């Protein structure tokens, strides 16, 4: 969804939204700086797949949607991607 969010920002969007990500999935991610694309990637350590990607320029305009059923788990997950 990163290309779509970037295109929306280029066309003047004030805010962009990522897809909803579940808190327990986020706790299994590893943060990787990708110098080839200039992105910050979050990769699943179990499945070895890219789950979320962002760039520094969208930091103040991105609404991160966190799905949860448990407050303490949500806090841990939010801190993992903050």
Protein backbone atom coordinates (compact mmCIF):
# COMPACT_ATOMS: atom_id res chain seq x y z
CA UNK A 1 0.00 0.00 0.00
CA UNK A 2 3.01 2.32 0.19
CA UNK A 3 2.86 3.30 -3.50
CA UNK A 4 -0.82 4.22 -3.17
CA UNK A 5 -0.20 6.29 -0.03
CA UNK A 6 2.68 8.13 -1.71
CA UNK A 7 0.59 8.87 -4.79
CA UNK A 8 -2.19 10.25 -2.60
CA UNK A 9 0.30 12.53 -0.84
CA UNK A 10 1.66 13.72 -4.19
CA UNK A 11 -1.89 14.65 -5.22
CA UNK A 12 -2.33 16.71 -2.07
CA UNK A 13 -3.82 14.40 0.57
CA UNK A 14 -3.41 15.72 4.10
CA UNK A 15 -3.52 12.23 5.63
CA UNK A 16 -3.05 8.69 4.36
CA UNK A 17 -4.10 5.42 5.99
CA UNK A 18 -2.41 2.05 6.02
CA UNK A 19 -4.33 -1.20 6.11
CA UNK A 20 -5.34 -2.47 9.55
CA UNK A 21 -2.60 -4.57 11.11
CA UNK A 22 -3.23 -6.90 14.04
CA UNK A 23 -1.26 -6.24 17.22
CA UNK A 24 0.00 -9.81 17.68
CA UNK A 25 1.37 -9.85 14.13
CA UNK A 26 3.26 -6.62 14.82
CA UNK A 27 5.01 -8.14 17.82
CA UNK A 28 6.61 -10.69 15.46
CA UNK A 29 8.12 -8.09 13.12
CA UNK A 30 11.70 -7.02 12.60
CA UNK A 31 12.47 -3.44 11.52
CA UNK A 32 14.76 -3.27 8.49
CA UNK A 33 16.17 -0.14 6.84
CA UNK A 34 16.15 -0.67 3.08
CA UNK A 35 18.81 1.63 1.57
CA UNK A 36 17.96 0.62 -2.00
CA UNK A 37 14.42 2.02 -1.83
CA UNK A 38 14.84 4.44 1.09
CA UNK A 39 12.13 2.64 3.05
CA UNK A 40 11.69 1.37 6.58
CA UNK A 41 10.36 -2.16 6.27
CA UNK A 42 8.77 -4.38 8.88
CA UNK A 43 9.33 -8.04 8.05
CA UNK A 44 7.71 -11.07 9.69
CA UNK A 45 10.36 -13.13 11.45
CA UNK A 46 8.29 -16.30 11.07
CA UNK A 47 7.00 -15.99 7.51
CA UNK A 48 9.91 -13.90 6.11
CA UNK A 49 7.51 -11.58 4.27
CA UNK A 50 7.14 -7.82 4.20
CA UNK A 51 4.17 -6.78 6.35
CA UNK A 52 4.47 -2.99 6.38
CA UNK A 53 6.64 -0.42 4.65
CA UNK A 54 6.97 3.33 5.10
CA UNK A 55 9.26 6.25 4.32
CA UNK A 56 10.29 9.08 6.67
CA UNK A 57 8.42 11.69 4.60
CA UNK A 58 5.00 10.23 5.44
CA UNK A 59 5.60 10.05 9.19
CA UNK A 60 3.48 13.10 10.10
CA UNK A 61 0.71 12.19 7.64
CA UNK A 62 0.25 8.45 8.15
CA UNK A 63 -2.65 7.08 10.19
CA UNK A 64 -1.56 3.65 11.40
CA UNK A 65 -4.58 1.39 11.95
CA UNK A 66 -4.00 -1.09 14.75
CA UNK A 67 -6.43 -3.94 15.31
CA UNK A 68 -6.58 -5.32 18.84
CA UNK A 69 -8.70 -7.04 21.44
CA UNK A 70 -6.35 -6.39 24.35
CA UNK A 71 -5.07 -3.05 25.64
CA UNK A 72 -1.63 -4.11 26.94
CA UNK A 73 -0.85 -6.02 23.74
CA UNK A 74 -1.90 -3.01 21.69
CA UNK A 75 0.48 -0.77 23.64
CA UNK A 76 3.41 -3.16 23.06
CA UNK A 77 2.58 -3.37 19.36
CA UNK A 78 2.25 0.41 19.00
CA UNK A 79 5.62 0.93 20.66
CA UNK A 80 7.19 -1.58 18.28
CA UNK A 81 6.32 0.53 15.24
CA UNK A 82 6.51 4.01 16.81
